[in-house]
N, C-alpha and C. Protein backbone atom coordinates (compact mmCIF):
# COMPACT_ATOMS: atom_id res chain seq x y z
N UNK A 1 14.29 -21.62 1.32
CA UNK A 1 13.82 -21.18 0.03
C UNK A 1 14.35 -19.78 -0.25
N UNK A 2 14.73 -19.50 -1.47
CA UNK A 2 15.27 -18.21 -1.87
C UNK A 2 14.17 -17.16 -1.85
N UNK A 3 14.32 -16.15 -0.96
CA UNK A 3 13.29 -15.12 -0.82
C UNK A 3 13.12 -14.33 -2.10
N UNK A 4 14.21 -14.08 -2.81
CA UNK A 4 14.12 -13.32 -4.05
C UNK A 4 13.28 -14.05 -5.06
N UNK A 5 13.48 -15.33 -5.19
CA UNK A 5 12.69 -16.12 -6.13
C UNK A 5 11.23 -16.13 -5.72
N UNK A 6 10.97 -16.22 -4.41
CA UNK A 6 9.60 -16.23 -3.91
C UNK A 6 8.93 -14.89 -4.19
N UNK A 7 9.64 -13.80 -3.95
CA UNK A 7 9.08 -12.47 -4.18
C UNK A 7 8.83 -12.21 -5.65
N UNK A 8 9.67 -12.73 -6.52
CA UNK A 8 9.54 -12.44 -7.94
C UNK A 8 8.54 -13.36 -8.63
N UNK A 9 8.13 -14.41 -7.98
CA UNK A 9 7.18 -15.33 -8.60
C UNK A 9 5.82 -14.67 -8.71
N UNK A 10 5.27 -14.62 -9.91
CA UNK A 10 3.94 -14.05 -10.10
C UNK A 10 2.89 -15.05 -9.67
N UNK A 11 3.12 -16.28 -9.99
CA UNK A 11 2.11 -17.29 -9.68
C UNK A 11 2.79 -18.57 -9.22
N UNK A 12 2.17 -19.21 -8.26
CA UNK A 12 2.68 -20.47 -7.78
C UNK A 12 1.46 -21.36 -7.59
N UNK A 13 1.36 -22.43 -8.36
CA UNK A 13 0.19 -23.28 -8.25
C UNK A 13 0.52 -24.48 -7.40
N UNK A 14 -0.33 -24.73 -6.44
CA UNK A 14 -0.15 -25.86 -5.56
C UNK A 14 -1.14 -26.93 -6.00
N UNK A 15 -0.65 -28.01 -6.56
CA UNK A 15 -1.55 -29.04 -7.05
C UNK A 15 -1.61 -30.23 -6.12
N UNK A 16 -0.57 -30.40 -5.33
CA UNK A 16 -0.56 -31.52 -4.40
C UNK A 16 -1.00 -31.06 -3.03
N UNK A 17 -0.89 -31.94 -2.09
CA UNK A 17 -1.26 -31.63 -0.72
C UNK A 17 -0.15 -32.15 0.17
N UNK A 18 -0.03 -31.58 1.36
CA UNK A 18 1.04 -31.98 2.26
C UNK A 18 0.66 -33.17 3.12
N UNK A 19 -0.58 -33.61 3.01
CA UNK A 19 -1.04 -34.71 3.85
C UNK A 19 -1.46 -35.88 2.99
N UNK A 20 -1.85 -36.97 3.63
CA UNK A 20 -2.31 -38.15 2.92
C UNK A 20 -3.58 -37.88 2.12
N UNK A 21 -4.34 -36.85 2.50
CA UNK A 21 -5.56 -36.52 1.78
C UNK A 21 -5.28 -36.15 0.33
N UNK A 22 -4.03 -35.91 0.00
CA UNK A 22 -3.70 -35.48 -1.35
C UNK A 22 -3.99 -36.54 -2.39
N UNK A 23 -4.24 -37.76 -1.98
CA UNK A 23 -4.54 -38.81 -2.94
C UNK A 23 -5.90 -38.59 -3.60
N UNK A 24 -6.76 -37.80 -2.97
CA UNK A 24 -8.04 -37.47 -3.59
C UNK A 24 -7.76 -36.57 -4.78
N UNK A 25 -8.57 -36.69 -5.80
CA UNK A 25 -8.40 -35.89 -7.00
C UNK A 25 -8.47 -34.41 -6.65
N UNK A 26 -7.53 -33.62 -7.19
CA UNK A 26 -7.53 -32.19 -6.90
C UNK A 26 -8.78 -31.53 -7.46
N UNK A 27 -9.40 -32.14 -8.47
CA UNK A 27 -10.62 -31.55 -9.02
C UNK A 27 -11.80 -31.72 -8.06
N UNK A 28 -11.70 -32.65 -7.10
CA UNK A 28 -12.75 -32.84 -6.11
C UNK A 28 -12.70 -31.76 -5.03
N UNK A 29 -11.57 -31.10 -4.92
CA UNK A 29 -11.38 -30.10 -3.86
C UNK A 29 -11.70 -28.72 -4.39
N UNK A 30 -12.37 -27.89 -3.57
CA UNK A 30 -12.59 -26.50 -3.99
C UNK A 30 -11.25 -25.80 -4.21
N UNK A 31 -11.23 -24.88 -5.17
CA UNK A 31 -10.03 -24.11 -5.49
C UNK A 31 -10.14 -22.72 -4.90
N UNK A 32 -9.06 -22.31 -4.22
CA UNK A 32 -9.00 -20.99 -3.60
C UNK A 32 -7.82 -20.25 -4.21
N UNK A 33 -8.10 -19.11 -4.83
CA UNK A 33 -7.06 -18.26 -5.40
C UNK A 33 -6.73 -17.17 -4.39
N UNK A 34 -5.46 -17.09 -3.99
CA UNK A 34 -5.00 -16.11 -3.00
C UNK A 34 -4.08 -15.12 -3.70
N UNK A 35 -4.42 -13.83 -3.65
CA UNK A 35 -3.60 -12.78 -4.26
C UNK A 35 -3.12 -11.86 -3.15
N UNK A 36 -1.82 -11.95 -2.83
CA UNK A 36 -1.22 -11.12 -1.79
C UNK A 36 0.25 -10.93 -2.14
N UNK A 37 0.74 -9.70 -2.04
CA UNK A 37 2.13 -9.44 -2.40
C UNK A 37 3.12 -9.83 -1.31
N UNK A 38 2.64 -10.16 -0.13
CA UNK A 38 3.52 -10.54 0.98
C UNK A 38 3.73 -12.06 0.97
N UNK A 39 4.96 -12.51 0.72
CA UNK A 39 5.21 -13.96 0.66
C UNK A 39 4.92 -14.67 1.98
N UNK A 40 5.07 -13.98 3.10
CA UNK A 40 4.79 -14.60 4.40
C UNK A 40 3.29 -14.87 4.53
N UNK A 41 2.48 -13.91 4.15
CA UNK A 41 1.02 -14.10 4.21
C UNK A 41 0.61 -15.22 3.26
N UNK A 42 1.15 -15.23 2.04
CA UNK A 42 0.81 -16.31 1.10
C UNK A 42 1.16 -17.67 1.69
N UNK A 43 2.32 -17.77 2.30
CA UNK A 43 2.76 -19.05 2.88
C UNK A 43 1.85 -19.47 4.04
N UNK A 44 1.47 -18.52 4.89
CA UNK A 44 0.58 -18.82 6.03
C UNK A 44 -0.77 -19.31 5.53
N UNK A 45 -1.35 -18.58 4.58
CA UNK A 45 -2.66 -18.97 4.06
C UNK A 45 -2.57 -20.33 3.38
N UNK A 46 -1.51 -20.55 2.63
CA UNK A 46 -1.31 -21.85 1.99
C UNK A 46 -1.27 -22.96 3.03
N UNK A 47 -0.47 -22.79 4.06
CA UNK A 47 -0.35 -23.84 5.08
C UNK A 47 -1.66 -24.06 5.82
N UNK A 48 -2.45 -23.01 6.01
CA UNK A 48 -3.72 -23.16 6.71
C UNK A 48 -4.78 -23.85 5.84
N UNK A 49 -4.78 -23.58 4.55
CA UNK A 49 -5.86 -24.06 3.69
C UNK A 49 -5.52 -25.28 2.84
N UNK A 50 -4.25 -25.58 2.68
CA UNK A 50 -3.83 -26.61 1.73
C UNK A 50 -4.33 -28.01 2.08
N UNK A 51 -4.66 -28.28 3.32
CA UNK A 51 -5.15 -29.61 3.68
C UNK A 51 -6.54 -29.90 3.12
N UNK A 52 -7.32 -28.85 2.88
CA UNK A 52 -8.70 -29.05 2.43
C UNK A 52 -8.99 -28.53 1.04
N UNK A 53 -8.15 -27.63 0.54
CA UNK A 53 -8.44 -26.97 -0.73
C UNK A 53 -7.22 -27.00 -1.64
N UNK A 54 -7.48 -26.85 -2.92
CA UNK A 54 -6.40 -26.60 -3.87
C UNK A 54 -6.16 -25.10 -3.84
N UNK A 55 -4.96 -24.70 -3.47
CA UNK A 55 -4.65 -23.28 -3.29
C UNK A 55 -3.77 -22.81 -4.45
N UNK A 56 -4.20 -21.73 -5.08
CA UNK A 56 -3.43 -21.10 -6.15
C UNK A 56 -2.96 -19.77 -5.61
N UNK A 57 -1.65 -19.51 -5.69
CA UNK A 57 -1.07 -18.30 -5.12
C UNK A 57 -0.60 -17.35 -6.21
N UNK A 58 -0.84 -16.06 -6.00
CA UNK A 58 -0.34 -15.03 -6.91
C UNK A 58 0.13 -13.85 -6.08
N UNK A 59 1.20 -13.20 -6.53
CA UNK A 59 1.75 -12.07 -5.79
C UNK A 59 1.23 -10.73 -6.30
N UNK A 60 0.62 -10.71 -7.48
CA UNK A 60 0.00 -9.49 -8.00
C UNK A 60 -1.30 -9.87 -8.69
N UNK A 61 -2.11 -8.88 -8.97
CA UNK A 61 -3.36 -9.14 -9.66
C UNK A 61 -3.27 -9.02 -11.17
N UNK A 62 -2.06 -8.78 -11.69
CA UNK A 62 -1.88 -8.57 -13.12
C UNK A 62 -2.39 -9.76 -13.93
N UNK A 63 -2.16 -10.96 -13.43
CA UNK A 63 -2.57 -12.15 -14.16
C UNK A 63 -3.96 -12.66 -13.76
N UNK A 64 -4.69 -11.88 -13.01
CA UNK A 64 -5.98 -12.35 -12.49
C UNK A 64 -6.92 -12.88 -13.56
N UNK A 65 -7.16 -12.15 -14.66
CA UNK A 65 -8.08 -12.71 -15.66
C UNK A 65 -7.63 -14.08 -16.17
N UNK A 66 -6.34 -14.24 -16.42
CA UNK A 66 -5.82 -15.52 -16.88
C UNK A 66 -6.00 -16.60 -15.82
N UNK A 67 -5.71 -16.27 -14.56
CA UNK A 67 -5.84 -17.24 -13.47
C UNK A 67 -7.30 -17.66 -13.28
N UNK A 68 -8.22 -16.71 -13.39
CA UNK A 68 -9.64 -17.03 -13.26
C UNK A 68 -10.07 -18.01 -14.34
N UNK A 69 -9.65 -17.74 -15.56
CA UNK A 69 -10.04 -18.60 -16.67
C UNK A 69 -9.37 -19.97 -16.59
N UNK A 70 -8.10 -20.00 -16.26
CA UNK A 70 -7.35 -21.25 -16.25
C UNK A 70 -7.74 -22.16 -15.08
N UNK A 71 -7.95 -21.59 -13.90
CA UNK A 71 -8.17 -22.41 -12.70
C UNK A 71 -9.63 -22.46 -12.25
N UNK A 72 -10.43 -21.50 -12.67
CA UNK A 72 -11.83 -21.43 -12.26
C UNK A 72 -12.00 -21.66 -10.75
N UNK A 73 -11.45 -20.74 -9.94
CA UNK A 73 -11.50 -20.92 -8.49
C UNK A 73 -12.92 -20.79 -7.94
N UNK A 74 -13.15 -21.44 -6.82
CA UNK A 74 -14.43 -21.36 -6.13
C UNK A 74 -14.48 -20.17 -5.17
N UNK A 75 -13.31 -19.61 -4.84
CA UNK A 75 -13.19 -18.48 -3.92
C UNK A 75 -11.92 -17.72 -4.27
N UNK A 76 -11.98 -16.39 -4.16
CA UNK A 76 -10.80 -15.55 -4.34
C UNK A 76 -10.57 -14.78 -3.04
N UNK A 77 -9.34 -14.86 -2.53
CA UNK A 77 -8.92 -14.10 -1.35
C UNK A 77 -7.96 -13.02 -1.83
N UNK A 78 -8.31 -11.75 -1.57
CA UNK A 78 -7.52 -10.62 -2.07
C UNK A 78 -7.01 -9.74 -0.94
N UNK A 79 -5.78 -9.26 -1.10
CA UNK A 79 -5.29 -8.16 -0.29
C UNK A 79 -5.76 -6.88 -0.97
N UNK A 80 -5.86 -5.79 -0.24
CA UNK A 80 -6.24 -4.52 -0.85
C UNK A 80 -5.01 -3.83 -1.42
N UNK A 81 -3.95 -3.77 -0.62
CA UNK A 81 -2.74 -3.05 -1.02
C UNK A 81 -1.84 -3.97 -1.85
N UNK A 82 -2.00 -3.87 -3.16
CA UNK A 82 -1.22 -4.68 -4.09
C UNK A 82 -0.52 -3.77 -5.09
N UNK A 83 0.61 -4.22 -5.63
CA UNK A 83 1.27 -3.40 -6.65
C UNK A 83 0.47 -3.37 -7.94
N UNK A 84 0.54 -2.28 -8.65
CA UNK A 84 -0.07 -2.03 -9.95
C UNK A 84 -1.58 -1.89 -9.91
N UNK A 85 -2.31 -2.86 -9.39
CA UNK A 85 -3.76 -2.79 -9.33
C UNK A 85 -4.18 -3.18 -7.92
N UNK A 86 -4.94 -2.30 -7.23
CA UNK A 86 -5.31 -2.63 -5.86
C UNK A 86 -6.45 -3.66 -5.82
N UNK A 87 -6.65 -4.24 -4.67
CA UNK A 87 -7.65 -5.30 -4.51
C UNK A 87 -9.07 -4.86 -4.79
N UNK A 88 -9.41 -3.61 -4.46
CA UNK A 88 -10.75 -3.13 -4.75
C UNK A 88 -11.02 -3.15 -6.25
N UNK A 89 -10.04 -2.67 -7.01
CA UNK A 89 -10.20 -2.67 -8.46
C UNK A 89 -10.23 -4.10 -9.01
N UNK A 90 -9.43 -4.99 -8.44
CA UNK A 90 -9.46 -6.40 -8.86
C UNK A 90 -10.82 -7.02 -8.60
N UNK A 91 -11.41 -6.71 -7.48
CA UNK A 91 -12.74 -7.23 -7.17
C UNK A 91 -13.76 -6.72 -8.18
N UNK A 92 -13.67 -5.44 -8.53
CA UNK A 92 -14.56 -4.88 -9.56
C UNK A 92 -14.39 -5.64 -10.87
N UNK A 93 -13.14 -5.92 -11.24
CA UNK A 93 -12.86 -6.66 -12.48
C UNK A 93 -13.49 -8.05 -12.43
N UNK A 94 -13.30 -8.74 -11.31
CA UNK A 94 -13.87 -10.09 -11.16
C UNK A 94 -15.38 -10.04 -11.34
N UNK A 95 -16.01 -9.09 -10.68
CA UNK A 95 -17.47 -9.02 -10.68
C UNK A 95 -18.06 -8.55 -12.00
N UNK A 96 -17.25 -7.98 -12.90
CA UNK A 96 -17.76 -7.56 -14.20
C UNK A 96 -17.61 -8.64 -15.27
N UNK A 97 -16.85 -9.69 -14.99
CA UNK A 97 -16.71 -10.80 -15.93
C UNK A 97 -17.77 -11.85 -15.64
N UNK A 98 -18.30 -12.44 -16.70
CA UNK A 98 -19.35 -13.45 -16.53
C UNK A 98 -18.94 -14.57 -15.59
N UNK A 99 -17.73 -15.12 -15.77
CA UNK A 99 -17.31 -16.24 -14.92
C UNK A 99 -17.00 -15.80 -13.50
N UNK A 100 -16.83 -14.51 -13.26
CA UNK A 100 -16.48 -14.03 -11.93
C UNK A 100 -17.64 -13.58 -11.06
N UNK A 101 -18.79 -13.40 -11.66
CA UNK A 101 -19.93 -12.88 -10.90
C UNK A 101 -20.35 -13.81 -9.77
N UNK A 102 -20.19 -15.11 -9.96
CA UNK A 102 -20.62 -16.08 -8.96
C UNK A 102 -19.51 -16.45 -7.97
N UNK A 103 -18.30 -15.97 -8.21
CA UNK A 103 -17.17 -16.32 -7.34
C UNK A 103 -17.15 -15.37 -6.14
N UNK A 104 -17.26 -15.91 -4.91
CA UNK A 104 -17.17 -15.02 -3.75
C UNK A 104 -15.74 -14.49 -3.58
N UNK A 105 -15.65 -13.25 -3.13
CA UNK A 105 -14.36 -12.60 -2.88
C UNK A 105 -14.27 -12.28 -1.40
N UNK A 106 -13.15 -12.68 -0.80
CA UNK A 106 -12.86 -12.38 0.60
C UNK A 106 -11.64 -11.47 0.63
N UNK A 107 -11.78 -10.29 1.23
CA UNK A 107 -10.62 -9.44 1.43
C UNK A 107 -9.91 -9.87 2.71
N UNK A 108 -8.60 -10.02 2.61
CA UNK A 108 -7.73 -10.32 3.75
C UNK A 108 -6.66 -9.24 3.71
N UNK A 109 -6.80 -8.22 4.55
CA UNK A 109 -6.02 -7.01 4.39
C UNK A 109 -5.71 -6.33 5.71
N UNK A 110 -4.74 -5.46 5.68
CA UNK A 110 -4.44 -4.66 6.87
C UNK A 110 -5.20 -3.34 6.87
N UNK A 111 -6.00 -3.10 5.84
CA UNK A 111 -6.83 -1.89 5.76
C UNK A 111 -8.02 -2.06 6.70
N UNK A 112 -7.99 -1.32 7.81
CA UNK A 112 -8.96 -1.53 8.88
C UNK A 112 -10.00 -0.43 9.03
N UNK A 113 -9.91 0.61 8.23
CA UNK A 113 -10.83 1.74 8.36
C UNK A 113 -12.23 1.34 7.90
N UNK A 114 -13.23 1.98 8.48
CA UNK A 114 -14.62 1.70 8.12
C UNK A 114 -14.86 1.95 6.64
N UNK A 115 -14.22 2.99 6.09
CA UNK A 115 -14.37 3.30 4.67
C UNK A 115 -13.88 2.15 3.80
N UNK A 116 -12.81 1.47 4.25
CA UNK A 116 -12.28 0.35 3.50
C UNK A 116 -13.28 -0.80 3.46
N UNK A 117 -13.88 -1.09 4.60
CA UNK A 117 -14.89 -2.13 4.69
C UNK A 117 -16.08 -1.80 3.78
N UNK A 118 -16.52 -0.55 3.80
CA UNK A 118 -17.63 -0.13 2.95
C UNK A 118 -17.27 -0.22 1.47
N UNK A 119 -16.05 0.17 1.14
CA UNK A 119 -15.60 0.06 -0.25
C UNK A 119 -15.57 -1.41 -0.68
N UNK A 120 -15.11 -2.28 0.21
CA UNK A 120 -15.11 -3.71 -0.08
C UNK A 120 -16.49 -4.23 -0.41
N UNK A 121 -17.48 -3.80 0.34
CA UNK A 121 -18.86 -4.21 0.07
C UNK A 121 -19.35 -3.63 -1.26
N UNK A 122 -19.02 -2.35 -1.49
CA UNK A 122 -19.45 -1.68 -2.73
C UNK A 122 -18.95 -2.40 -3.98
N UNK A 123 -17.72 -2.89 -3.94
CA UNK A 123 -17.15 -3.54 -5.12
C UNK A 123 -17.56 -5.00 -5.25
N UNK A 124 -18.31 -5.51 -4.28
CA UNK A 124 -18.86 -6.85 -4.42
C UNK A 124 -18.26 -7.95 -3.56
N UNK A 125 -17.42 -7.59 -2.60
CA UNK A 125 -16.82 -8.61 -1.74
C UNK A 125 -17.88 -9.24 -0.84
N UNK A 126 -17.73 -10.52 -0.57
CA UNK A 126 -18.66 -11.25 0.29
C UNK A 126 -18.15 -11.34 1.73
N UNK A 127 -16.87 -11.01 1.94
CA UNK A 127 -16.29 -11.07 3.28
C UNK A 127 -15.09 -10.15 3.40
N UNK A 128 -14.72 -9.83 4.65
CA UNK A 128 -13.62 -8.90 4.90
C UNK A 128 -12.97 -9.27 6.22
N UNK A 129 -11.72 -9.70 6.18
CA UNK A 129 -10.94 -10.00 7.38
C UNK A 129 -9.73 -9.07 7.41
N UNK A 130 -9.37 -8.62 8.61
CA UNK A 130 -8.19 -7.76 8.73
C UNK A 130 -7.00 -8.52 9.30
N UNK A 131 -5.82 -8.10 8.87
CA UNK A 131 -4.57 -8.66 9.37
C UNK A 131 -4.15 -7.86 10.59
N UNK A 132 -3.53 -8.47 11.56
CA UNK A 132 -3.33 -9.91 11.68
C UNK A 132 -4.67 -10.61 11.93
N UNK A 133 -4.75 -11.88 11.52
CA UNK A 133 -5.99 -12.62 11.63
C UNK A 133 -5.76 -13.92 12.38
N UNK A 134 -6.84 -14.46 12.92
CA UNK A 134 -6.78 -15.76 13.57
C UNK A 134 -7.14 -16.83 12.55
N UNK A 135 -6.47 -17.97 12.64
CA UNK A 135 -6.74 -19.08 11.72
C UNK A 135 -8.21 -19.47 11.77
N UNK A 136 -8.79 -19.51 12.95
CA UNK A 136 -10.20 -19.92 13.07
C UNK A 136 -11.11 -18.97 12.31
N UNK A 137 -10.79 -17.67 12.28
CA UNK A 137 -11.60 -16.72 11.53
C UNK A 137 -11.48 -16.95 10.02
N UNK A 138 -10.27 -17.24 9.57
CA UNK A 138 -10.08 -17.54 8.15
C UNK A 138 -10.85 -18.80 7.77
N UNK A 139 -10.71 -19.86 8.56
CA UNK A 139 -11.44 -21.10 8.29
C UNK A 139 -12.94 -20.84 8.22
N UNK A 140 -13.47 -20.09 9.20
CA UNK A 140 -14.90 -19.81 9.27
C UNK A 140 -15.38 -19.07 8.02
N UNK A 141 -14.64 -18.04 7.62
CA UNK A 141 -15.04 -17.25 6.44
C UNK A 141 -14.96 -18.08 5.16
N UNK A 142 -13.89 -18.84 5.00
CA UNK A 142 -13.74 -19.67 3.80
C UNK A 142 -14.88 -20.68 3.72
N UNK A 143 -15.17 -21.35 4.83
CA UNK A 143 -16.27 -22.33 4.85
C UNK A 143 -17.61 -21.65 4.53
N UNK A 144 -17.85 -20.49 5.13
CA UNK A 144 -19.11 -19.77 4.91
C UNK A 144 -19.27 -19.39 3.44
N UNK A 145 -18.21 -18.87 2.87
CA UNK A 145 -18.30 -18.39 1.48
C UNK A 145 -18.39 -19.54 0.49
N UNK A 146 -17.73 -20.64 0.77
CA UNK A 146 -17.82 -21.79 -0.14
C UNK A 146 -19.17 -22.50 -0.02
N UNK A 147 -19.81 -22.40 1.13
CA UNK A 147 -21.11 -23.04 1.33
C UNK A 147 -22.25 -22.23 0.71
N UNK A 148 -22.00 -20.96 0.49
CA UNK A 148 -23.07 -20.07 -0.02
C UNK A 148 -23.43 -20.39 -1.46
């Protein structure tokens, strides 16, 4: 795949699934919106979650309001360090919109300082994982937040 095209893509919607489970209606599956500027992280999260969820990928938060309205995700996974608008500010935006107040936000970031974790809580995040992360931890957090 052309890395330049992958890096320049603002949004990539995954509607199918890589397994036989894809025959189930995509509307039956919870939707997870992942916003991360690193194409490798987006690809890893996609491959980990795509078997059970409809995954919507974005490389920046610029289109977040449109993506929230168009896809109505059940969970948003945000990086903190994003171009133009950081993840903390995006979380604040999500939590101030009527349709976003009920959507859990999980930070998946390399920001490991205690202040970052506290800021994540202040802006309304329901979970916080640091990179590098274990697949089992991502699965556990996604399941916990979607069950809440």
